């Protein structure tokens, strides 16, 4: 079994230790067949955190402390420096022209879909995205107010570098769906995992109604566009 690496991303030793403790506590409950419903959202984020750490490793980024606020993506250093990417790093993680030219934090580089990364960068650059808010929705594992209510999140079911292994929660699409515009691979992956659970798929129509979800109360999830 490959060891969990997500706890290495935070720069603060206290936070790293806290994540390790959460991992041990959560998986101990599961090993005893006594999982708590409130742990589901925590497990989702722990898994995403670990997946992003693995993608950082594949790109040759230093995983330990990578989430430090002052870090800048190696892809847009103006001195020509590039990270020591592994020769076989997945094509899905290869940087776009925008990643090489727009100054940004390396966490954006870790999602395995080029258009999604570019959408996030454009949103950050224009001020349409609050970076702290988006990071919190995706990666915060220290929120003590966990419940079984679905929260905005990405969910990782498969390989971290393969977008087909990722799912966007309905809550994420309600809040952040506009950043998935032009990302059919993510929607296809989302619908694949939803249908495995016996749920209806999600259909996009940005030009008309945003995001249509056949399981919603009124039939729609509205995205910003």
C-alpha atoms as a PDB file:
ATOM      1  CA  UNK A   1       0.000   0.000   0.000  1.00  0.00           C
ATOM      2  CA  UNK A   2       1.388   3.403  -1.023  1.00  0.00           C
ATOM      3  CA  UNK A   3       1.706   5.683   2.026  1.00  0.00           C
ATOM      4  CA  UNK A   4      -0.486   8.768   2.316  1.00  0.00           C
ATOM      5  CA  UNK A   5       1.374  11.918   1.276  1.00  0.00           C
ATOM      6  CA  UNK A   6      -1.249  14.639   1.563  1.00  0.00           C
ATOM      7  CA  UNK A   7      -0.145  15.653   5.051  1.00  0.00           C
ATOM      8  CA  UNK A   8       3.176  16.832   3.585  1.00  0.00           C
ATOM      9  CA  UNK A   9       1.608  19.701   1.621  1.00  0.00           C
ATOM     10  CA  UNK A  10       0.893  22.156   4.491  1.00  0.00           C
ATOM     11  CA  UNK A  11       3.958  24.216   5.487  1.00  0.00           C
ATOM     12  CA  UNK A  12       3.013  24.243   9.176  1.00  0.00           C
ATOM     13  CA  UNK A  13       4.249  21.200  11.175  1.00  0.00           C
ATOM     14  CA  UNK A  14       1.267  21.539  13.522  1.00  0.00           C
ATOM     15  CA  UNK A  15      -1.188  21.355  10.635  1.00  0.00           C
ATOM     16  CA  UNK A  16       0.685  18.430   9.098  1.00  0.00           C
ATOM     17  CA  UNK A  17       0.547  16.554  12.403  1.00  0.00           C
ATOM     18  CA  UNK A  18      -3.151  17.387  12.759  1.00  0.00           C
ATOM     19  CA  UNK A  19      -3.883  15.876   9.340  1.00  0.00           C
ATOM     20  CA  UNK A  20      -1.950  12.732  10.252  1.00  0.00           C
ATOM     21  CA  UNK A  21      -4.014  12.417  13.430  1.00  0.00           C
ATOM     22  CA  UNK A  22      -7.237  12.825  11.442  1.00  0.00           C
ATOM     23  CA  UNK A  23      -6.124  10.090   9.048  1.00  0.00           C
ATOM     24  CA  UNK A  24      -5.373   7.666  11.871  1.00  0.00           C
ATOM     25  CA  UNK A  25      -8.635   8.427  13.667  1.00  0.00           C
ATOM     26  CA  UNK A  26     -10.754   8.108  10.532  1.00  0.00           C
ATOM     27  CA  UNK A  27      -9.236   4.895   9.244  1.00  0.00           C
ATOM     28  CA  UNK A  28      -9.283   3.335  12.695  1.00  0.00           C
ATOM     29  CA  UNK A  29     -13.050   3.850  12.771  1.00  0.00           C
ATOM     30  CA  UNK A  30     -13.373   2.240   9.351  1.00  0.00           C
ATOM     31  CA  UNK A  31     -11.179  -0.709  10.325  1.00  0.00           C
ATOM     32  CA  UNK A  32     -13.525  -1.302  13.278  1.00  0.00           C
ATOM     33  CA  UNK A  33     -16.559  -1.079  10.974  1.00  0.00           C
ATOM     34  CA  UNK A  34     -17.714   1.949  12.932  1.00  0.00           C
ATOM     35  CA  UNK A  35     -17.499   4.834  10.452  1.00  0.00           C
ATOM     36  CA  UNK A  36     -19.292   8.059  11.285  1.00  0.00           C
ATOM     37  CA  UNK A  37     -21.415   9.729   8.578  1.00  0.00           C
ATOM     38  CA  UNK A  38     -19.740  13.032   9.424  1.00  0.00           C
ATOM     39  CA  UNK A  39     -16.421  11.567   8.281  1.00  0.00           C
ATOM     40  CA  UNK A  40     -17.458  11.288   4.637  1.00  0.00           C
ATOM     41  CA  UNK A  41     -16.614  14.889   3.754  1.00  0.00           C
ATOM     42  CA  UNK A  42     -13.335  14.548   5.617  1.00  0.00           C
ATOM     43  CA  UNK A  43     -12.405  11.384   3.712  1.00  0.00           C
ATOM     44  CA  UNK A  44     -13.214  13.087   0.410  1.00  0.00           C
ATOM     45  CA  UNK A  45     -10.794  15.923   1.143  1.00  0.00           C
ATOM     46  CA  UNK A  46      -8.083  13.686   2.549  1.00  0.00           C
ATOM     47  CA  UNK A  47      -8.192  11.654  -0.647  1.00  0.00           C
ATOM     48  CA  UNK A  48      -8.049  14.764  -2.840  1.00  0.00           C
ATOM     49  CA  UNK A  49      -5.166  16.121  -0.775  1.00  0.00           C
ATOM     50  CA  UNK A  50      -3.275  12.877  -1.275  1.00  0.00           C
ATOM     51  CA  UNK A  51      -4.030  12.820  -5.004  1.00  0.00           C
ATOM     52  CA  UNK A  52      -2.702  16.339  -5.471  1.00  0.00           C
ATOM     53  CA  UNK A  53       0.443  15.434  -3.535  1.00  0.00           C
ATOM     54  CA  UNK A  54       1.006  12.534  -5.925  1.00  0.00           C
ATOM     55  CA  UNK A  55       0.543  14.822  -8.911  1.00  0.00           C
ATOM     56  CA  UNK A  56       3.052  17.252  -7.427  1.00  0.00           C
ATOM     57  CA  UNK A  57       5.519  14.401  -7.085  1.00  0.00           C
ATOM     58  CA  UNK A  58       4.914  13.361 -10.703  1.00  0.00           C
ATOM     59  CA  UNK A  59       5.712  16.907 -11.830  1.00  0.00           C
ATOM     60  CA  UNK A  60       8.914  17.006  -9.815  1.00  0.00           C
ATOM     61  CA  UNK A  61       7.568  19.620  -7.399  1.00  0.00           C
ATOM     62  CA  UNK A  62       8.771  19.454  -3.788  1.00  0.00           C
ATOM     63  CA  UNK A  63       5.748  18.008  -1.985  1.00  0.00           C
ATOM     64  CA  UNK A  64       6.721  19.010   1.538  1.00  0.00           C
ATOM     65  CA  UNK A  65       5.366  22.449   2.363  1.00  0.00           C
ATOM     66  CA  UNK A  66       4.147  23.048  -1.195  1.00  0.00           C
ATOM     67  CA  UNK A  67       1.046  24.878   0.073  1.00  0.00           C
ATOM     68  CA  UNK A  68       3.104  27.684   1.615  1.00  0.00           C
ATOM     69  CA  UNK A  69       1.513  30.987   0.615  1.00  0.00           C
ATOM     70  CA  UNK A  70       4.719  32.442  -0.792  1.00  0.00           C
ATOM     71  CA  UNK A  71       5.414  29.619  -3.257  1.00  0.00           C
ATOM     72  CA  UNK A  72       5.266  30.445  -6.967  1.00  0.00           C
ATOM     73  CA  UNK A  73       4.729  27.848  -9.661  1.00  0.00           C
ATOM     74  CA  UNK A  74       8.023  26.717 -11.194  1.00  0.00           C
ATOM     75  CA  UNK A  75       6.268  26.765 -14.558  1.00  0.00           C
ATOM     76  CA  UNK A  76       6.143  30.560 -14.733  1.00  0.00           C
ATOM     77  CA  UNK A  77       9.555  31.493 -13.418  1.00  0.00           C
ATOM     78  CA  UNK A  78      10.923  34.112 -15.765  1.00  0.00           C
ATOM     79  CA  UNK A  79      14.500  32.870 -15.485  1.00  0.00           C
ATOM     80  CA  UNK A  80      13.670  29.790 -17.522  1.00  0.00           C
ATOM     81  CA  UNK A  81      13.850  27.390 -14.572  1.00  0.00           C
ATOM     82  CA  UNK A  82      11.594  24.396 -14.877  1.00  0.00           C
ATOM     83  CA  UNK A  83      10.758  21.716 -12.327  1.00  0.00           C
ATOM     84  CA  UNK A  84      12.529  18.410 -12.737  1.00  0.00           C
ATOM     85  CA  UNK A  85       9.471  16.626 -14.115  1.00  0.00           C
ATOM     86  CA  UNK A  86       9.705  12.891 -14.294  1.00  0.00           C
ATOM     87  CA  UNK A  87      10.330  11.680 -17.888  1.00  0.00           C
ATOM     88  CA  UNK A  88       7.064   9.748 -17.788  1.00  0.00           C
ATOM     89  CA  UNK A  89       4.876  12.357 -16.125  1.00  0.00           C
ATOM     90  CA  UNK A  90       1.294  12.141 -17.417  1.00  0.00           C
ATOM     91  CA  UNK A  91       0.378  14.354 -20.355  1.00  0.00           C
ATOM     92  CA  UNK A  92      -2.672  15.530 -18.397  1.00  0.00           C
ATOM     93  CA  UNK A  93      -0.338  17.465 -16.083  1.00  0.00           C
ATOM     94  CA  UNK A  94       1.721  19.153 -18.821  1.00  0.00           C
ATOM     95  CA  UNK A  95       1.593  22.952 -18.377  1.00  0.00           C
ATOM     96  CA  UNK A  96      -0.343  25.216 -20.715  1.00  0.00           C
ATOM     97  CA  UNK A  97       0.962  28.452 -22.190  1.00  0.00           C
ATOM     98  CA  UNK A  98      -1.073  30.328 -19.570  1.00  0.00           C
ATOM     99  CA  UNK A  99       0.538  28.389 -16.733  1.00  0.00           C
ATOM    100  CA  UNK A 100       3.942  29.403 -18.044  1.00  0.00           C
ATOM    101  CA  UNK A 101       3.101  33.095 -18.333  1.00  0.00           C
ATOM    102  CA  UNK A 102       0.685  33.916 -15.490  1.00  0.00           C
ATOM    103  CA  UNK A 103       2.232  34.107 -12.039  1.00  0.00           C
ATOM    104  CA  UNK A 104       0.386  31.754  -9.695  1.00  0.00           C
ATOM    105  CA  UNK A 105       0.658  29.339  -6.802  1.00  0.00           C
ATOM    106  CA  UNK A 106       1.635  25.761  -7.776  1.00  0.00           C
ATOM    107  CA  UNK A 107      -1.537  24.208  -6.333  1.00  0.00           C
ATOM    108  CA  UNK A 108      -3.308  25.177  -9.573  1.00  0.00           C
ATOM    109  CA  UNK A 109      -0.852  23.023 -11.558  1.00  0.00           C
ATOM    110  CA  UNK A 110      -1.899  19.846  -9.774  1.00  0.00           C
ATOM    111  CA  UNK A 111      -5.317  19.299 -11.369  1.00  0.00           C
ATOM    112  CA  UNK A 112      -5.160  16.897 -14.336  1.00  0.00           C
ATOM    113  CA  UNK A 113      -7.167  18.955 -16.831  1.00  0.00           C
ATOM    114  CA  UNK A 114      -5.561  21.786 -18.800  1.00  0.00           C
ATOM    115  CA  UNK A 115      -8.748  23.765 -19.495  1.00  0.00           C
ATOM    116  CA  UNK A 116      -9.761  23.648 -15.836  1.00  0.00           C
ATOM    117  CA  UNK A 117      -6.355  24.979 -14.791  1.00  0.00           C
ATOM    118  CA  UNK A 118      -6.604  27.793 -17.325  1.00  0.00           C
ATOM    119  CA  UNK A 119     -10.149  28.650 -16.213  1.00  0.00           C
ATOM    120  CA  UNK A 120      -8.974  28.890 -12.612  1.00  0.00           C
ATOM    121  CA  UNK A 121      -6.026  31.082 -13.594  1.00  0.00           C
ATOM    122  CA  UNK A 122      -8.269  33.415 -15.572  1.00  0.00           C
ATOM    123  CA  UNK A 123     -10.697  33.589 -12.667  1.00  0.00           C
ATOM    124  CA  UNK A 124      -7.923  34.371 -10.207  1.00  0.00           C
ATOM    125  CA  UNK A 125      -6.392  36.971 -12.503  1.00  0.00           C
ATOM    126  CA  UNK A 126      -9.726  38.739 -13.031  1.00  0.00           C
ATOM    127  CA  UNK A 127     -10.720  38.617  -9.367  1.00  0.00           C
ATOM    128  CA  UNK A 128     -13.733  36.388 -10.082  1.00  0.00           C
ATOM    129  CA  UNK A 129     -12.287  33.670  -7.835  1.00  0.00           C
ATOM    130  CA  UNK A 130     -11.421  34.082  -4.178  1.00  0.00           C
ATOM    131  CA  UNK A 131      -8.404  31.778  -4.016  1.00  0.00           C
ATOM    132  CA  UNK A 132      -8.705  31.153  -0.278  1.00  0.00           C
ATOM    133  CA  UNK A 133     -12.374  30.244  -0.627  1.00  0.00           C
ATOM    134  CA  UNK A 134     -11.785  27.801  -3.482  1.00  0.00           C
ATOM    135  CA  UNK A 135      -8.851  26.189  -1.667  1.00  0.00           C
ATOM    136  CA  UNK A 136     -10.926  25.850   1.481  1.00  0.00           C
ATOM    137  CA  UNK A 137     -13.786  24.186  -0.380  1.00  0.00           C
ATOM    138  CA  UNK A 138     -11.451  21.662  -1.979  1.00  0.00           C
ATOM    139  CA  UNK A 139      -8.748  21.038   0.594  1.00  0.00           C
ATOM    140  CA  UNK A 140      -9.782  22.113   4.091  1.00  0.00           C
ATOM    141  CA  UNK A 141      -9.628  19.045   6.334  1.00  0.00           C
ATOM    142  CA  UNK A 142      -9.690  20.862   9.668  1.00  0.00           C
ATOM    143  CA  UNK A 143     -13.266  22.121   9.605  1.00  0.00           C
ATOM    144  CA  UNK A 144     -14.858  20.740  12.777  1.00  0.00           C
ATOM    145  CA  UNK A 145     -18.368  21.329  11.462  1.00  0.00           C
ATOM    146  CA  UNK A 146     -18.473  18.230   9.276  1.00  0.00           C
ATOM    147  CA  UNK A 147     -21.922  16.818   8.612  1.00  0.00           C
ATOM    148  CA  UNK A 148     -23.566  14.506   6.123  1.00  0.00           C
ATOM    149  CA  UNK A 149     -24.691  17.550   4.131  1.00  0.00           C
ATOM    150  CA  UNK A 150     -22.914  17.616   0.782  1.00  0.00           C
ATOM    151  CA  UNK A 151     -20.323  20.362   0.524  1.00  0.00           C
ATOM    152  CA  UNK A 152     -18.606  21.837  -2.543  1.00  0.00           C
ATOM    153  CA  UNK A 153     -15.890  19.340  -3.375  1.00  0.00           C
ATOM    154  CA  UNK A 154     -14.050  17.373  -5.979  1.00  0.00           C
ATOM    155  CA  UNK A 155     -13.984  13.635  -5.364  1.00  0.00           C
ATOM    156  CA  UNK A 156     -11.172  11.312  -6.413  1.00  0.00           C
ATOM    157  CA  UNK A 157     -12.090   7.705  -7.175  1.00  0.00           C
ATOM    158  CA  UNK A 158      -9.221   6.586  -9.411  1.00  0.00           C
ATOM    159  CA  UNK A 159      -5.737   7.628 -10.447  1.00  0.00           C
ATOM    160  CA  UNK A 160      -4.973  11.215  -9.490  1.00  0.00           C
ATOM    161  CA  UNK A 161      -3.552  12.060 -12.940  1.00  0.00           C
ATOM    162  CA  UNK A 162      -6.594  10.730 -14.833  1.00  0.00           C
ATOM    163  CA  UNK A 163      -9.525  13.138 -15.020  1.00  0.00           C
ATOM    164  CA  UNK A 164     -11.845  10.162 -15.559  1.00  0.00           C
ATOM    165  CA  UNK A 165     -11.192   9.230 -11.942  1.00  0.00           C
ATOM    166  CA  UNK A 166     -12.513  12.580 -10.677  1.00  0.00           C
ATOM    167  CA  UNK A 167     -16.037  13.688  -9.863  1.00  0.00           C
ATOM    168  CA  UNK A 168     -17.415  17.163  -9.146  1.00  0.00           C
ATOM    169  CA  UNK A 169     -20.077  17.155  -6.444  1.00  0.00           C
ATOM    170  CA  UNK A 170     -23.422  18.792  -7.199  1.00  0.00           C
ATOM    171  CA  UNK A 171     -22.657  21.350  -4.483  1.00  0.00           C
ATOM    172  CA  UNK A 172     -19.352  22.161  -6.197  1.00  0.00           C
ATOM    173  CA  UNK A 173     -21.102  22.638  -9.529  1.00  0.00           C
ATOM    174  CA  UNK A 174     -23.721  24.896  -7.960  1.00  0.00           C
ATOM    175  CA  UNK A 175     -21.006  27.146  -6.595  1.00  0.00           C
ATOM    176  CA  UNK A 176     -18.084  26.771  -8.987  1.00  0.00           C
ATOM    177  CA  UNK A 177     -19.600  25.163 -12.077  1.00  0.00           C
ATOM    178  CA  UNK A 178     -18.620  28.076 -14.310  1.00  0.00           C
ATOM    179  CA  UNK A 179     -14.926  27.152 -13.982  1.00  0.00           C
ATOM    180  CA  UNK A 180     -15.686  23.770 -15.568  1.00  0.00           C
ATOM    181  CA  UNK A 181     -16.891  25.352 -18.804  1.00  0.00           C
ATOM    182  CA  UNK A 182     -15.115  23.662 -21.693  1.00  0.00           C
ATOM    183  CA  UNK A 183     -14.207  20.676 -19.495  1.00  0.00           C
ATOM    184  CA  UNK A 184     -16.378  17.841 -20.862  1.00  0.00           C
ATOM    185  CA  UNK A 185     -13.949  15.253 -19.499  1.00  0.00           C
ATOM    186  CA  UNK A 186     -14.755  16.254 -15.930  1.00  0.00           C
ATOM    187  CA  UNK A 187     -18.486  16.122 -16.573  1.00  0.00           C
ATOM    188  CA  UNK A 188     -18.148  12.728 -18.255  1.00  0.00           C
ATOM    189  CA  UNK A 189     -16.193  11.432 -15.266  1.00  0.00           C
ATOM    190  CA  UNK A 190     -18.721  12.943 -12.872  1.00  0.00           C
ATOM    191  CA  UNK A 191     -21.631  11.293 -14.651  1.00  0.00           C
ATOM    192  CA  UNK A 192     -19.827   7.960 -14.825  1.00  0.00           C
ATOM    193  CA  UNK A 193     -19.467   7.843 -11.035  1.00  0.00           C
ATOM    194  CA  UNK A 194     -22.982   9.179 -10.455  1.00  0.00           C
ATOM    195  CA  UNK A 195     -24.495   6.458 -12.632  1.00  0.00           C
ATOM    196  CA  UNK A 196     -22.516   3.778 -10.841  1.00  0.00           C
ATOM    197  CA  UNK A 197     -24.379   4.923  -7.708  1.00  0.00           C
ATOM    198  CA  UNK A 198     -27.679   4.841  -9.580  1.00  0.00           C
ATOM    199  CA  UNK A 199     -27.952   8.636  -9.846  1.00  0.00           C
ATOM    200  CA  UNK A 200     -28.957  10.661 -12.895  1.00  0.00           C
ATOM    201  CA  UNK A 201     -26.276  12.415 -14.903  1.00  0.00           C
ATOM    202  CA  UNK A 202     -25.680  16.161 -14.984  1.00  0.00           C
ATOM    203  CA  UNK A 203     -26.186  18.069 -18.240  1.00  0.00           C
ATOM    204  CA  UNK A 204     -24.530  21.418 -18.985  1.00  0.00           C
ATOM    205  CA  UNK A 205     -26.124  24.234 -20.917  1.00  0.00           C
ATOM    206  CA  UNK A 206     -24.127  27.346 -20.087  1.00  0.00           C
ATOM    207  CA  UNK A 207     -25.807  29.373 -22.778  1.00  0.00           C
ATOM    208  CA  UNK A 208     -29.289  28.727 -21.415  1.00  0.00           C
ATOM    209  CA  UNK A 209     -29.572  27.623 -17.810  1.00  0.00           C
ATOM    210  CA  UNK A 210     -26.077  26.872 -16.532  1.00  0.00           C
ATOM    211  CA  UNK A 211     -26.075  23.356 -15.115  1.00  0.00           C
ATOM    212  CA  UNK A 212     -29.074  21.083 -15.212  1.00  0.00           C
ATOM    213  CA  UNK A 213     -29.283  18.412 -12.546  1.00  0.00           C
ATOM    214  CA  UNK A 214     -32.200  16.022 -12.852  1.00  0.00           C
ATOM    215  CA  UNK A 215     -31.994  15.182  -9.148  1.00  0.00           C
ATOM    216  CA  UNK A 216     -32.429  18.764  -7.903  1.00  0.00           C
ATOM    217  CA  UNK A 217     -35.611  20.094  -6.317  1.00  0.00           C
ATOM    218  CA  UNK A 218     -36.297  22.421  -9.235  1.00  0.00           C
ATOM    219  CA  UNK A 219     -34.322  20.464 -11.806  1.00  0.00           C
ATOM    220  CA  UNK A 220     -31.467  22.929 -12.080  1.00  0.00           C
ATOM    221  CA  UNK A 221     -28.090  23.755 -10.639  1.00  0.00           C
ATOM    222  CA  UNK A 222     -27.168  27.227 -11.743  1.00  0.00           C
ATOM    223  CA  UNK A 223     -23.549  27.981 -12.512  1.00  0.00           C
ATOM    224  CA  UNK A 224     -21.988  31.401 -12.961  1.00  0.00           C
ATOM    225  CA  UNK A 225     -21.264  32.205 -16.591  1.00  0.00           C
END
